[in-house]
Amino acid sequence: MTPRTAGPQQSLTVAIIGAGRLGGAFGRLLARAGYRVVAVTGRTRRSAAGAARFIGAGEPVTDVAAAASRAAIVLITTPDREIRGVCERIARGGGFRRGALVAHASGANGLDLLEAAREGGARRAVVHPLQSVPSRERGVENLPGSFFRVEADSGAIRLARGLVRALGGRELRLPGWTGDAASAAIYHAGAVAASNYLVTLLDFAARHFEALGVDRRQALRAVLPLVRGTLANVERLGIPGALTGPIARGDTTTIAGHVEALRVRAPALLDFYGRLAGATVPLALAKGGLAPGAAEEIRRIVRQCRP
């Protein structure tokens, strides 16, 4: 999906405060979409200059207040733990223009981190992508087509949504959002489950093959086509429609065999296996291929996995 290039807001100036992986990717995509990146900050002038070269625009500076003062849109893309302090430092330096949009991209936090910007006459927003950004380059590839959580002060929501469109993203509407810390935490936990815990799950899968003497890299190469096929099935059939395997078909003998073999050959994997199997039973029941009696038998078997 290519970022959109239409819209009057895209003549606005942008300062990227903390142009690391995410900030660099944001800056490059926004510059492509017609926004004018005028300032880029880093911990050192050298790092700021490297980010500006990647973005293809923006003067590299280390003074965050000076950088923010040049722009109508200020994106604070520092690590989460630094956002509030950076915002306060900009405010103390008189860096926020009245009416400017100040946004961060932390999924676990809300507008409160930008309170100093509000007190300085700016408007606040959160634009968090549901996407993994391991590098600037991969961010530029991965962000278009992603969903974003968008939260903003009154009068700033259209501008925040314009940023998301320019990044090639789509807004994820959250009807149950209440703007409190719990809402942000639940949202972020879902993102962590989909991304970080998928890595944990793949590690768990690879460890089964390692127990049979397979090299870890080879194990991952072997299971990744299966993972891709499963994700394609989920995209096409949804959940629980994409569920296959012994629990989905009520094969209690196979599950019992898994448990016994793991107990003997790889006991460190047993507890997590049982927890995953137990969590899969409701999905199999919802799909309709698992009889209630078989479901209860599988639950009985996996209860034996507990340490």
Protein backbone atom coordinates (compact mmCIF):
# COMPACT_ATOMS: atom_id res chain seq x y z
CA MET A 1 0.00 0.00 0.00
CA THR A 2 1.49 3.32 -1.06
CA PRO A 3 1.12 6.32 1.28
CA ARG A 4 -1.40 8.85 -0.01
CA THR A 5 -0.11 12.09 -1.42
CA ALA A 6 -3.25 14.21 -1.46
CA GLY A 7 -4.51 16.56 1.21
CA PRO A 8 -3.83 20.14 2.32
CA GLN A 9 -2.37 19.04 5.63
CA GLN A 10 0.61 17.56 3.83
CA SER A 11 2.21 20.97 3.29
CA LEU A 12 2.68 21.20 7.06
CA THR A 13 6.11 21.14 8.64
CA VAL A 14 7.24 18.19 10.78
CA ALA A 15 9.93 17.76 13.44
CA ILE A 16 11.01 14.22 14.31
CA ILE A 17 12.17 14.11 17.93
CA GLY A 18 14.17 10.92 18.36
CA ALA A 19 14.61 9.61 14.84
CA GLY A 20 15.54 6.01 15.61
CA ARG A 21 13.89 3.02 13.99
CA LEU A 22 10.29 4.23 14.18
CA GLY A 23 10.98 7.95 13.89
CA GLY A 24 13.20 7.43 10.87
CA ALA A 25 10.57 5.29 9.15
CA PHE A 26 7.82 7.81 9.99
CA GLY A 27 9.94 10.66 8.65
CA ARG A 28 10.77 8.97 5.37
CA LEU A 29 7.17 7.95 4.69
CA LEU A 30 5.83 11.40 5.58
CA ALA A 31 8.42 13.08 3.36
CA ARG A 32 7.40 10.82 0.50
CA ALA A 33 3.78 11.78 1.10
CA GLY A 34 4.49 15.50 0.82
CA TYR A 35 4.98 16.60 4.42
CA ARG A 36 7.97 18.89 4.97
CA VAL A 37 10.34 17.36 7.50
CA VAL A 38 12.28 20.39 8.74
CA ALA A 39 14.16 19.06 11.79
CA VAL A 40 15.46 15.71 12.99
CA THR A 41 16.97 15.10 16.42
CA GLY A 42 19.22 12.39 17.81
CA ARG A 43 21.32 11.82 20.90
CA THR A 44 24.30 13.21 18.99
CA ARG A 45 24.57 15.41 15.94
CA ARG A 46 26.08 12.47 14.10
CA SER A 47 23.09 10.22 14.81
CA ALA A 48 20.71 13.03 13.87
CA ALA A 49 22.58 13.56 10.60
CA GLY A 50 22.35 9.85 9.81
CA ALA A 51 18.61 9.91 10.42
CA ALA A 52 18.18 13.00 8.24
CA ARG A 53 20.07 11.28 5.42
CA PHE A 54 17.79 8.26 5.70
CA ILE A 55 14.67 10.43 5.71
CA GLY A 56 16.00 12.55 2.87
CA ALA A 57 15.01 15.79 4.59
CA GLY A 58 15.34 17.76 7.81
CA GLU A 59 18.12 19.64 9.51
CA PRO A 60 19.95 17.49 12.07
CA VAL A 61 19.95 19.08 15.52
CA THR A 62 20.39 17.98 19.13
CA ASP A 63 18.32 20.73 20.80
CA VAL A 64 14.83 19.27 21.00
CA ALA A 65 13.14 22.59 21.83
CA ALA A 66 14.78 24.30 18.86
CA ALA A 67 13.71 21.45 16.59
CA ALA A 68 10.11 21.49 17.81
CA SER A 69 9.81 25.26 17.46
CA ARG A 70 10.26 24.97 13.68
CA ALA A 71 7.31 22.67 13.06
CA ALA A 72 3.53 22.57 13.06
CA ILE A 73 3.68 18.83 13.81
CA VAL A 74 6.05 17.43 16.43
CA LEU A 75 6.47 13.66 16.53
CA ILE A 76 8.12 12.41 19.72
CA THR A 77 9.34 8.94 18.78
CA THR A 78 11.77 8.37 21.62
CA PRO A 79 11.60 5.24 23.82
CA ASP A 80 8.41 5.21 25.90
CA ARG A 81 10.20 5.94 29.18
CA GLU A 82 11.60 9.19 27.74
CA ILE A 83 8.50 10.69 26.15
CA ARG A 84 7.20 12.63 29.13
CA GLY A 85 10.61 14.04 30.01
CA VAL A 86 11.37 15.07 26.44
CA CYS A 87 7.98 16.75 26.14
CA GLU A 88 8.59 18.67 29.37
CA ARG A 89 12.06 19.70 28.18
CA ILE A 90 10.62 21.07 24.94
CA ALA A 91 7.96 22.96 26.88
CA ARG A 92 10.54 24.50 29.23
CA GLY A 93 12.50 25.66 26.21
CA GLY A 94 9.43 27.30 24.67
CA GLY A 95 9.53 24.88 21.74
CA PHE A 96 5.83 24.25 21.16
CA ARG A 97 3.95 26.51 18.79
CA ARG A 98 0.44 27.37 19.93
CA GLY A 99 -1.94 25.08 18.08
CA ALA A 100 0.79 22.69 16.97
CA LEU A 101 0.09 18.96 16.95
CA VAL A 102 2.36 16.99 19.29
CA ALA A 103 2.14 13.22 18.95
CA HIS A 104 3.84 10.16 20.37
CA ALA A 105 3.71 6.57 19.14
CA SER A 106 3.61 4.58 22.37
CA GLY A 107 1.02 1.82 22.35
CA ALA A 108 1.10 1.39 26.12
CA ASN A 109 0.42 5.05 26.97
CA GLY A 110 -2.11 7.77 26.32
CA LEU A 111 -2.28 11.52 25.96
CA ASP A 112 -1.18 12.16 29.54
CA LEU A 113 2.50 11.81 28.61
CA LEU A 114 2.09 15.00 26.56
CA GLU A 115 0.48 17.13 29.28
CA ALA A 116 3.31 19.67 29.10
CA ALA A 117 2.52 20.21 25.42
CA ARG A 118 -1.15 20.87 26.21
CA GLU A 119 -0.16 23.34 28.90
CA GLY A 120 2.06 25.05 26.31
CA GLY A 121 -0.89 25.59 23.95
CA ALA A 122 -0.34 22.61 21.66
CA ARG A 123 -2.75 19.81 20.82
CA ARG A 124 -1.92 16.20 21.63
CA ALA A 125 -2.26 12.91 19.77
CA VAL A 126 -1.20 9.29 19.86
CA VAL A 127 -0.55 7.46 16.58
CA HIS A 128 0.61 3.94 17.38
CA PRO A 129 1.13 1.38 14.61
CA LEU A 130 0.18 -2.25 15.15
CA GLN A 131 3.40 -3.28 13.50
CA SER A 132 6.89 -4.49 14.30
CA VAL A 133 9.66 -2.07 13.33
CA PRO A 134 13.04 -3.77 13.87
CA SER A 135 14.84 -1.21 11.68
CA ARG A 136 14.16 2.00 9.77
CA GLU A 137 14.27 0.13 6.48
CA ARG A 138 11.84 -2.56 7.58
CA GLY A 139 9.60 0.10 9.09
CA VAL A 140 9.27 1.78 5.71
CA GLU A 141 8.30 -1.60 4.25
CA ASN A 142 6.02 -2.75 7.06
CA LEU A 143 4.09 0.36 8.12
CA PRO A 144 2.00 0.89 4.95
CA GLY A 145 -1.09 -1.26 5.25
CA SER A 146 -0.87 -1.47 9.05
CA PHE A 147 -3.58 -0.47 11.50
CA PHE A 148 -2.98 2.39 13.95
CA ARG A 149 -4.47 3.38 17.25
CA VAL A 150 -5.39 7.05 17.00
CA GLU A 151 -6.20 9.23 20.01
CA ALA A 152 -6.26 13.02 19.97
CA ASP A 153 -7.45 16.16 21.69
CA SER A 154 -10.59 17.83 20.41
CA GLY A 155 -9.83 19.61 17.16
CA ALA A 156 -6.75 17.49 16.39
CA ILE A 157 -8.27 14.18 15.36
CA ARG A 158 -8.47 15.01 11.64
CA LEU A 159 -4.82 16.04 11.57
CA ALA A 160 -3.80 12.86 13.41
CA ARG A 161 -5.82 10.72 11.01
CA GLY A 162 -4.17 12.56 8.13
CA LEU A 163 -0.77 11.46 9.45
CA VAL A 164 -1.94 7.86 9.54
CA ARG A 165 -3.21 8.04 5.97
CA ALA A 166 0.09 9.58 4.85
CA LEU A 167 1.92 6.66 6.45
CA GLY A 168 -0.24 4.30 4.40
CA GLY A 169 -2.05 3.13 7.53
CA ARG A 170 -5.63 2.55 8.61
CA GLU A 171 -7.23 3.53 11.87
CA LEU A 172 -8.31 0.78 14.25
CA ARG A 173 -11.57 1.91 15.83
CA LEU A 174 -11.88 0.93 19.51
CA PRO A 175 -15.50 1.32 20.66
CA GLY A 176 -14.65 0.27 24.22
CA TRP A 177 -11.81 2.76 24.58
CA THR A 178 -12.22 4.98 27.66
CA GLY A 179 -8.97 6.92 27.48
CA ASP A 180 -7.64 5.56 30.77
CA ALA A 181 -4.45 3.66 31.55
CA ALA A 182 -6.28 0.31 31.56
CA SER A 183 -7.52 0.83 28.00
CA ALA A 184 -3.99 1.53 26.79
CA ALA A 185 -2.61 -1.44 28.71
CA ILE A 186 -5.18 -3.88 27.29
CA TYR A 187 -4.62 -2.60 23.76
CA HIS A 188 -0.85 -2.89 24.12
CA ALA A 189 -1.09 -6.35 25.66
CA GLY A 190 -2.98 -7.49 22.56
CA ALA A 191 -0.24 -6.10 20.35
CA VAL A 192 2.42 -7.82 22.45
CA ALA A 193 0.53 -11.12 22.21
CA ALA A 194 0.34 -10.89 18.42
CA SER A 195 3.99 -9.94 17.92
CA ASN A 196 6.31 -10.68 20.84
CA TYR A 197 4.54 -13.81 22.03
CA LEU A 198 4.44 -15.18 18.49
CA VAL A 199 8.24 -15.16 18.68
CA THR A 200 7.99 -16.99 22.01
CA LEU A 201 5.64 -19.54 20.43
CA LEU A 202 8.03 -20.16 17.54
CA ASP A 203 10.86 -20.63 20.01
CA PHE A 204 8.68 -23.20 21.79
CA ALA A 205 8.01 -25.02 18.51
CA ALA A 206 11.69 -25.02 17.57
CA ARG A 207 12.64 -26.54 20.93
CA HIS A 208 10.61 -29.68 20.08
CA PHE A 209 12.79 -30.26 17.01
CA GLU A 210 15.92 -29.42 18.96
CA ALA A 211 14.97 -32.23 21.35
CA LEU A 212 15.35 -34.52 18.33
CA GLY A 213 18.78 -33.15 17.47
CA VAL A 214 17.76 -30.59 14.83
CA ASP A 215 19.80 -27.38 14.65
CA ARG A 216 17.79 -24.34 15.78
CA ARG A 217 18.17 -22.46 12.48
CA GLN A 218 17.09 -25.52 10.53
CA ALA A 219 14.14 -26.00 12.86
CA LEU A 220 12.97 -22.44 12.24
CA ARG A 221 13.43 -22.82 8.48
CA ALA A 222 11.35 -25.97 8.64
CA VAL A 223 8.40 -24.50 10.56
CA LEU A 224 8.19 -21.07 8.91
CA PRO A 225 6.37 -22.35 5.77
CA LEU A 226 3.85 -23.99 8.11
CA VAL A 227 3.45 -20.71 9.99
CA ARG A 228 2.97 -18.76 6.76
CA GLY A 229 0.36 -21.25 5.61
CA THR A 230 -1.46 -20.99 8.92
CA LEU A 231 -1.46 -17.19 8.78
CA ALA A 232 -2.86 -17.37 5.23
CA ASN A 233 -5.59 -19.69 6.49
CA VAL A 234 -6.40 -17.31 9.36
CA GLU A 235 -6.63 -14.42 6.92
CA ARG A 236 -8.92 -16.38 4.63
CA LEU A 237 -10.99 -18.41 7.11
CA GLY A 238 -10.73 -16.44 10.36
CA ILE A 239 -10.70 -17.88 13.87
CA PRO A 240 -11.73 -20.57 14.69
CA GLY A 241 -12.19 -21.55 11.03
CA ALA A 242 -8.45 -21.88 10.42
CA LEU A 243 -7.90 -24.27 13.34
CA THR A 244 -6.71 -27.73 12.32
CA GLY A 245 -4.92 -30.56 14.09
CA PRO A 246 -5.66 -33.19 16.72
CA ILE A 247 -7.63 -31.02 19.13
CA ALA A 248 -9.83 -29.65 16.34
CA ARG A 249 -10.75 -33.21 15.30
CA GLY A 250 -10.97 -34.63 18.84
CA ASP A 251 -8.01 -36.99 18.51
CA THR A 252 -7.48 -37.74 22.19
CA THR A 253 -5.04 -40.60 21.51
CA THR A 254 -2.62 -38.27 19.72
CA ILE A 255 -2.77 -35.65 22.47
CA ALA A 256 -2.12 -38.33 25.10
CA GLY A 257 0.85 -39.50 23.05
CA HIS A 258 2.26 -35.97 22.93
CA VAL A 259 2.00 -35.61 26.69
CA GLU A 260 3.64 -38.95 27.44
CA ALA A 261 6.50 -38.41 24.97
CA LEU A 262 7.21 -34.91 26.25
CA ARG A 263 7.20 -36.15 29.82
CA VAL A 264 9.93 -38.66 28.95
CA ARG A 265 12.00 -36.82 26.32
CA ALA A 266 11.44 -33.09 26.84
CA PRO A 267 9.82 -32.42 30.23
CA ALA A 268 10.75 -28.72 30.16
CA LEU A 269 8.20 -28.27 27.35
CA LEU A 270 5.35 -30.07 29.06
CA ASP A 271 3.75 -27.30 31.11
CA PHE A 272 3.53 -24.80 28.24
CA TYR A 273 2.23 -27.51 25.91
CA GLY A 274 -0.57 -28.25 28.36
CA ARG A 275 -1.50 -24.61 28.73
CA LEU A 276 -1.64 -24.11 24.95
CA ALA A 277 -3.66 -27.29 24.46
CA GLY A 278 -6.12 -26.26 27.16
CA ALA A 279 -6.56 -22.83 25.57
CA THR A 280 -7.21 -24.47 22.18
CA VAL A 281 -10.14 -26.59 23.37
CA PRO A 282 -12.68 -23.69 23.40
CA LEU A 283 -11.65 -22.74 19.86
CA ALA A 284 -12.16 -26.31 18.67
CA LEU A 285 -15.58 -26.42 20.32
CA ALA A 286 -16.51 -23.13 18.66
CA LYS A 287 -15.45 -24.49 15.27
CA GLY A 288 -17.75 -27.47 15.77
CA GLY A 289 -15.45 -30.41 15.10
CA LEU A 290 -14.82 -31.33 18.73
CA ALA A 291 -17.43 -33.28 20.66
CA PRO A 292 -18.04 -32.24 24.30
CA GLY A 293 -16.96 -35.65 25.57
CA ALA A 294 -13.67 -35.50 23.68
CA ALA A 295 -13.14 -31.95 24.90
CA GLU A 296 -13.44 -33.07 28.51
CA GLU A 297 -11.05 -35.96 27.89
CA ILE A 298 -8.46 -33.60 26.37
CA ARG A 299 -8.79 -31.30 29.36
CA ARG A 300 -8.23 -34.29 31.66
CA ILE A 301 -5.11 -35.32 29.72
CA VAL A 302 -3.51 -31.86 29.67
CA ARG A 303 -4.14 -31.33 33.37
CA GLN A 304 -1.40 -33.93 33.79
CA CYS A 305 1.06 -31.46 32.26
CA ARG A 306 1.00 -29.17 35.28
CA PRO A 307 4.21 -29.17 37.30
